[in-house]
C-alpha cells in the first residue's frame, strides 16, 4: 500500500503544479485582454477541465 500513497501524493503535487501554471497563464490572458481593446482579439481563460477536453479530443 505504500506505493498507492506515494502515487496519490505525486498526483497531488503534479495537479497543484498544473493548476499554478494555469493560474499564471490566466494572469497573462487577463493582462492581454486589458491591453488589447478589440474584443475580437481577446483570448479566453484556460481551465484544467478545458485543457483535458482538448487533449482528449480526437485528432484530425
PDB file of N, CA and C in Angstrom:
ATOM      1  N   UNK A   1       0.798  -1.212   0.000  1.00  0.00           N
ATOM      2  CA  UNK A   1       0.000   0.000   0.000  1.00  0.00           C
ATOM      3  C   UNK A   1       0.840   1.276   0.000  1.00  0.00           C
ATOM      4  N   UNK A   2       2.086   1.243   0.402  1.00  0.00           N
ATOM      5  CA  UNK A   2       2.855   2.493   0.382  1.00  0.00           C
ATOM      6  C   UNK A   2       2.992   3.073  -1.029  1.00  0.00           C
ATOM      7  N   UNK A   3       2.996   2.198  -2.034  1.00  0.00           N
ATOM      8  CA  UNK A   3       3.104   2.686  -3.409  1.00  0.00           C
ATOM      9  C   UNK A   3       1.881   3.508  -3.783  1.00  0.00           C
ATOM     10  N   UNK A   4       0.722   3.088  -3.336  1.00  0.00           N
ATOM     11  CA  UNK A   4      -0.514   3.819  -3.618  1.00  0.00           C
ATOM     12  C   UNK A   4      -0.476   5.199  -2.973  1.00  0.00           C
ATOM     13  N   UNK A   5      -0.020   5.271  -1.751  1.00  0.00           N
ATOM     14  CA  UNK A   5       0.078   6.553  -1.057  1.00  0.00           C
ATOM     15  C   UNK A   5       1.081   7.470  -1.750  1.00  0.00           C
ATOM     16  N   UNK A   6       2.195   6.921  -2.179  1.00  0.00           N
ATOM     17  CA  UNK A   6       3.205   7.716  -2.883  1.00  0.00           C
ATOM     18  C   UNK A   6       2.668   8.228  -4.221  1.00  0.00           C
ATOM     19  N   UNK A   7       1.925   7.375  -4.911  1.00  0.00           N
ATOM     20  CA  UNK A   7       1.339   7.785  -6.190  1.00  0.00           C
ATOM     21  C   UNK A   7       0.330   8.901  -5.987  1.00  0.00           C
ATOM     22  N   UNK A   8      -0.534   8.764  -4.985  1.00  0.00           N
ATOM     23  CA  UNK A   8      -1.526   9.811  -4.700  1.00  0.00           C
ATOM     24  C   UNK A   8      -0.845  11.123  -4.320  1.00  0.00           C
ATOM     25  N   UNK A   9       0.230  11.035  -3.560  1.00  0.00           N
ATOM     26  CA  UNK A   9       0.984  12.228  -3.169  1.00  0.00           C
ATOM     27  C   UNK A   9       1.594  12.901  -4.398  1.00  0.00           C
ATOM     28  N   UNK A  10       2.184  12.104  -5.276  1.00  0.00           N
ATOM     29  CA  UNK A  10       2.778  12.655  -6.502  1.00  0.00           C
ATOM     30  C   UNK A  10       1.702  13.253  -7.396  1.00  0.00           C
ATOM     31  N   UNK A  11       0.566  12.575  -7.513  1.00  0.00           N
ATOM     32  CA  UNK A  11      -0.546  13.103  -8.316  1.00  0.00           C
ATOM     33  C   UNK A  11      -1.005  14.454  -7.774  1.00  0.00           C
ATOM     34  N   UNK A  12      -1.086  14.574  -6.467  1.00  0.00           N
ATOM     35  CA  UNK A  12      -1.483  15.835  -5.849  1.00  0.00           C
ATOM     36  C   UNK A  12      -0.493  16.949  -6.140  1.00  0.00           C
ATOM     37  N   UNK A  13       0.800  16.626  -6.071  1.00  0.00           N
ATOM     38  CA  UNK A  13       1.834  17.624  -6.373  1.00  0.00           C
ATOM     39  C   UNK A  13       1.755  18.073  -7.829  1.00  0.00           C
ATOM     40  N   UNK A  14       1.615  17.130  -8.735  1.00  0.00           N
ATOM     41  CA  UNK A  14       1.554  17.465 -10.160  1.00  0.00           C
ATOM     42  C   UNK A  14       0.311  18.286 -10.452  1.00  0.00           C
ATOM     43  N   UNK A  15      -0.816  17.904  -9.872  1.00  0.00           N
ATOM     44  CA  UNK A  15      -2.062  18.654 -10.076  1.00  0.00           C
ATOM     45  C   UNK A  15      -1.907  20.086  -9.581  1.00  0.00           C
ATOM     46  N   UNK A  16      -1.269  20.254  -8.420  1.00  0.00           N
ATOM     47  CA  UNK A  16      -1.049  21.596  -7.874  1.00  0.00           C
ATOM     48  C   UNK A  16      -0.138  22.418  -8.791  1.00  0.00           C
ATOM     49  N   UNK A  17       0.887  21.786  -9.342  1.00  0.00           N
ATOM     50  CA  UNK A  17       1.788  22.485 -10.261  1.00  0.00           C
ATOM     51  C   UNK A  17       1.058  22.902 -11.536  1.00  0.00           C
ATOM     52  N   UNK A  18       0.227  22.015 -12.062  1.00  0.00           N
ATOM     53  CA  UNK A  18      -0.521  22.328 -13.278  1.00  0.00           C
ATOM     54  C   UNK A  18      -1.508  23.464 -13.004  1.00  0.00           C
ATOM     55  N   UNK A  19      -2.195  23.407 -11.875  1.00  0.00           N
ATOM     56  CA  UNK A  19      -3.147  24.465 -11.532  1.00  0.00           C
ATOM     57  C   UNK A  19      -2.430  25.806 -11.346  1.00  0.00           C
ATOM     58  N   UNK A  20      -1.236  25.788 -10.768  1.00  0.00           N
ATOM     59  CA  UNK A  20      -0.459  27.025 -10.612  1.00  0.00           C
ATOM     60  C   UNK A  20      -0.048  27.572 -11.981  1.00  0.00           C
ATOM     61  N   UNK A  21       0.341  26.685 -12.890  1.00  0.00           N
ATOM     62  CA  UNK A  21       0.723  27.124 -14.236  1.00  0.00           C
ATOM     63  C   UNK A  21      -0.480  27.707 -14.975  1.00  0.00           C
ATOM     64  N   UNK A  22      -1.652  27.100 -14.798  1.00  0.00           N
ATOM     65  CA  UNK A  22      -2.867  27.622 -15.430  1.00  0.00           C
ATOM     66  C   UNK A  22      -3.208  28.993 -14.852  1.00  0.00           C
ATOM     67  N   UNK A  23      -3.021  29.165 -13.554  1.00  0.00           N
ATOM     68  CA  UNK A  23      -3.279  30.470 -12.923  1.00  0.00           C
ATOM     69  C   UNK A  23      -2.335  31.534 -13.486  1.00  0.00           C
ATOM     70  N   UNK A  24      -1.068  31.179 -13.678  1.00  0.00           N
ATOM     71  CA  UNK A  24      -0.110  32.120 -14.277  1.00  0.00           C
ATOM     72  C   UNK A  24      -0.517  32.464 -15.707  1.00  0.00           C
ATOM     73  N   UNK A  25      -0.907  31.452 -16.470  1.00  0.00           N
ATOM     74  CA  UNK A  25      -1.360  31.679 -17.842  1.00  0.00           C
ATOM     75  C   UNK A  25      -2.565  32.607 -17.856  1.00  0.00           C
ATOM     76  N   UNK A  26      -3.516  32.373 -16.975  1.00  0.00           N
ATOM     77  CA  UNK A  26      -4.716  33.202 -16.945  1.00  0.00           C
ATOM     78  C   UNK A  26      -4.416  34.637 -16.522  1.00  0.00           C
ATOM     79  N   UNK A  27      -3.399  34.838 -15.696  1.00  0.00           N
ATOM     80  CA  UNK A  27      -2.987  36.198 -15.359  1.00  0.00           C
ATOM     81  C   UNK A  27      -2.464  36.910 -16.608  1.00  0.00           C
ATOM     82  N   UNK A  28      -1.698  36.202 -17.428  1.00  0.00           N
ATOM     83  CA  UNK A  28      -1.212  36.773 -18.686  1.00  0.00           C
ATOM     84  C   UNK A  28      -2.368  37.041 -19.648  1.00  0.00           C
ATOM     85  N   UNK A  29      -3.330  36.135 -19.678  1.00  0.00           N
ATOM     86  CA  UNK A  29      -4.503  36.311 -20.544  1.00  0.00           C
ATOM     87  C   UNK A  29      -5.292  37.543 -20.114  1.00  0.00           C
ATOM     88  N   UNK A  30      -5.507  37.690 -18.807  1.00  0.00           N
ATOM     89  CA  UNK A  30      -6.242  38.864 -18.318  1.00  0.00           C
ATOM     90  C   UNK A  30      -5.517  40.152 -18.681  1.00  0.00           C
ATOM     91  N   UNK A  31      -4.195  40.153 -18.536  1.00  0.00           N
ATOM     92  CA  UNK A  31      -3.418  41.342 -18.895  1.00  0.00           C
ATOM     93  C   UNK A  31      -3.554  41.637 -20.379  1.00  0.00           C
ATOM     94  N   UNK A  32      -3.424  40.606 -21.196  1.00  0.00           N
ATOM     95  CA  UNK A  32      -3.564  40.759 -22.643  1.00  0.00           C
ATOM     96  C   UNK A  32      -4.930  41.362 -22.980  1.00  0.00           C
ATOM     97  N   UNK A  33      -5.974  40.801 -22.381  1.00  0.00           N
ATOM     98  CA  UNK A  33      -7.325  41.258 -22.685  1.00  0.00           C
ATOM     99  C   UNK A  33      -7.571  42.689 -22.209  1.00  0.00           C
ATOM    100  N   UNK A  34      -6.841  43.134 -21.199  1.00  0.00           N
ATOM    101  CA  UNK A  34      -6.954  44.532 -20.760  1.00  0.00           C
ATOM    102  C   UNK A  34      -6.240  45.470 -21.727  1.00  0.00           C
ATOM    103  N   UNK A  35      -5.103  45.029 -22.236  1.00  0.00           N
ATOM    104  CA  UNK A  35      -4.296  45.868 -23.115  1.00  0.00           C
ATOM    105  C   UNK A  35      -4.909  45.943 -24.518  1.00  0.00           C
ATOM    106  N   UNK A  36      -5.378  44.820 -25.004  1.00  0.00           N
ATOM    107  CA  UNK A  36      -5.956  44.756 -26.350  1.00  0.00           C
ATOM    108  C   UNK A  36      -7.438  45.102 -26.253  1.00  0.00           C
ATOM    109  N   UNK A  37      -7.813  46.210 -26.847  1.00  0.00           N
ATOM    110  CA  UNK A  37      -9.191  46.667 -26.689  1.00  0.00           C
ATOM    111  C   UNK A  37     -10.160  46.000 -27.665  1.00  0.00           C
ATOM    112  N   UNK A  38      -9.676  45.497 -28.770  1.00  0.00           N
ATOM    113  CA  UNK A  38     -10.556  44.834 -29.738  1.00  0.00           C
ATOM    114  C   UNK A  38     -10.992  43.481 -29.165  1.00  0.00           C
ATOM    115  N   UNK A  39     -12.278  43.353 -28.881  1.00  0.00           N
ATOM    116  CA  UNK A  39     -12.752  42.113 -28.259  1.00  0.00           C
ATOM    117  C   UNK A  39     -12.584  40.901 -29.173  1.00  0.00           C
ATOM    118  N   UNK A  40     -12.503  41.131 -30.462  1.00  0.00           N
ATOM    119  CA  UNK A  40     -12.300  40.011 -31.381  1.00  0.00           C
ATOM    120  C   UNK A  40     -10.915  39.382 -31.203  1.00  0.00           C
ATOM    121  N   UNK A  41     -10.004  40.103 -30.567  1.00  0.00           N
ATOM    122  CA  UNK A  41      -8.648  39.587 -30.334  1.00  0.00           C
ATOM    123  C   UNK A  41      -8.448  39.102 -28.902  1.00  0.00           C
ATOM    124  N   UNK A  42      -9.509  39.127 -28.090  1.00  0.00           N
ATOM    125  CA  UNK A  42      -9.391  38.647 -26.716  1.00  0.00           C
ATOM    126  C   UNK A  42      -9.203  37.136 -26.705  1.00  0.00           C
ATOM    127  N   UNK A  43      -8.498  36.685 -25.703  1.00  0.00           N
ATOM    128  CA  UNK A  43      -8.184  35.273 -25.543  1.00  0.00           C
ATOM    129  C   UNK A  43      -8.997  34.752 -24.352  1.00  0.00           C
ATOM    130  N   UNK A  44      -9.634  33.589 -24.484  1.00  0.00           N
ATOM    131  CA  UNK A  44     -10.392  33.056 -23.348  1.00  0.00           C
ATOM    132  C   UNK A  44      -9.456  32.497 -22.271  1.00  0.00           C
ATOM    133  N   UNK A  45      -9.923  32.516 -21.044  1.00  0.00           N
ATOM    134  CA  UNK A  45      -9.154  31.952 -19.930  1.00  0.00           C
ATOM    135  C   UNK A  45      -9.118  30.434 -20.069  1.00  0.00           C
ATOM    136  N   UNK A  46      -8.075  29.840 -19.527  1.00  0.00           N
ATOM    137  CA  UNK A  46      -7.902  28.389 -19.571  1.00  0.00           C
ATOM    138  C   UNK A  46      -8.428  27.767 -18.281  1.00  0.00           C
ATOM    139  N   UNK A  47      -8.819  26.503 -18.377  1.00  0.00           N
ATOM    140  CA  UNK A  47      -9.197  25.737 -17.188  1.00  0.00           C
ATOM    141  C   UNK A  47      -8.638  24.329 -17.337  1.00  0.00           C
ATOM    142  N   UNK A  48      -8.445  23.676 -16.230  1.00  0.00           N
ATOM    143  CA  UNK A  48      -7.933  22.308 -16.273  1.00  0.00           C
ATOM    144  C   UNK A  48      -8.895  21.409 -17.037  1.00  0.00           C
ATOM    145  N   UNK A  49     -10.183  21.566 -16.780  1.00  0.00           N
ATOM    146  CA  UNK A  49     -11.174  20.740 -17.459  1.00  0.00           C
ATOM    147  C   UNK A  49     -11.156  20.987 -18.969  1.00  0.00           C
ATOM    148  N   UNK A  50     -11.038  22.246 -19.362  1.00  0.00           N
ATOM    149  CA  UNK A  50     -10.981  22.579 -20.784  1.00  0.00           C
ATOM    150  C   UNK A  50      -9.750  22.002 -21.461  1.00  0.00           C
ATOM    151  N   UNK A  51      -8.617  22.053 -20.773  1.00  0.00           N
ATOM    152  CA  UNK A  51      -7.393  21.502 -21.345  1.00  0.00           C
ATOM    153  C   UNK A  51      -7.476  19.977 -21.465  1.00  0.00           C
ATOM    154  N   UNK A  52      -8.092  19.338 -20.475  1.00  0.00           N
ATOM    155  CA  UNK A  52      -8.270  17.882 -20.540  1.00  0.00           C
ATOM    156  C   UNK A  52      -9.188  17.523 -21.707  1.00  0.00           C
ATOM    157  N   UNK A  53     -10.241  18.318 -21.890  1.00  0.00           N
ATOM    158  CA  UNK A  53     -11.168  18.080 -23.010  1.00  0.00           C
ATOM    159  C   UNK A  53     -10.447  18.203 -24.348  1.00  0.00           C
ATOM    160  N   UNK A  54      -9.630  19.242 -24.486  1.00  0.00           N
ATOM    161  CA  UNK A  54      -8.887  19.435 -25.724  1.00  0.00           C
ATOM    162  C   UNK A  54      -7.911  18.274 -25.946  1.00  0.00           C
ATOM    163  N   UNK A  55      -7.236  17.863 -24.885  1.00  0.00           N
ATOM    164  CA  UNK A  55      -6.264  16.773 -25.012  1.00  0.00           C
ATOM    165  C   UNK A  55      -6.941  15.446 -25.360  1.00  0.00           C
ATOM    166  N   UNK A  56      -8.194  15.289 -24.924  1.00  0.00           N
ATOM    167  CA  UNK A  56      -8.912  14.035 -25.172  1.00  0.00           C
ATOM    168  C   UNK A  56      -9.604  14.004 -26.522  1.00  0.00           C
ATOM    169  N   UNK A  57      -9.702  15.134 -27.182  1.00  0.00           N
ATOM    170  CA  UNK A  57     -10.412  15.199 -28.469  1.00  0.00           C
ATOM    171  C   UNK A  57      -9.645  14.424 -29.526  1.00  0.00           C
ATOM    172  N   UNK A  58     -10.383  13.764 -30.414  1.00  0.00           N
ATOM    173  CA  UNK A  58      -9.701  13.026 -31.490  1.00  0.00           C
ATOM    174  C   UNK A  58      -8.951  13.985 -32.422  1.00  0.00           C
ATOM    175  N   UNK A  59      -7.839  13.530 -32.885  1.00  0.00           N
ATOM    176  CA  UNK A  59      -7.014  14.333 -33.796  1.00  0.00           C
ATOM    177  C   UNK A  59      -7.570  14.226 -35.207  1.00  0.00           C
ATOM    178  N   UNK A  60      -7.422  15.280 -35.972  1.00  0.00           N
ATOM    179  CA  UNK A  60      -7.871  15.241 -37.373  1.00  0.00           C
ATOM    180  C   UNK A  60      -6.706  15.021 -38.286  1.00  0.00           C
TER     181      UNK A  60
END
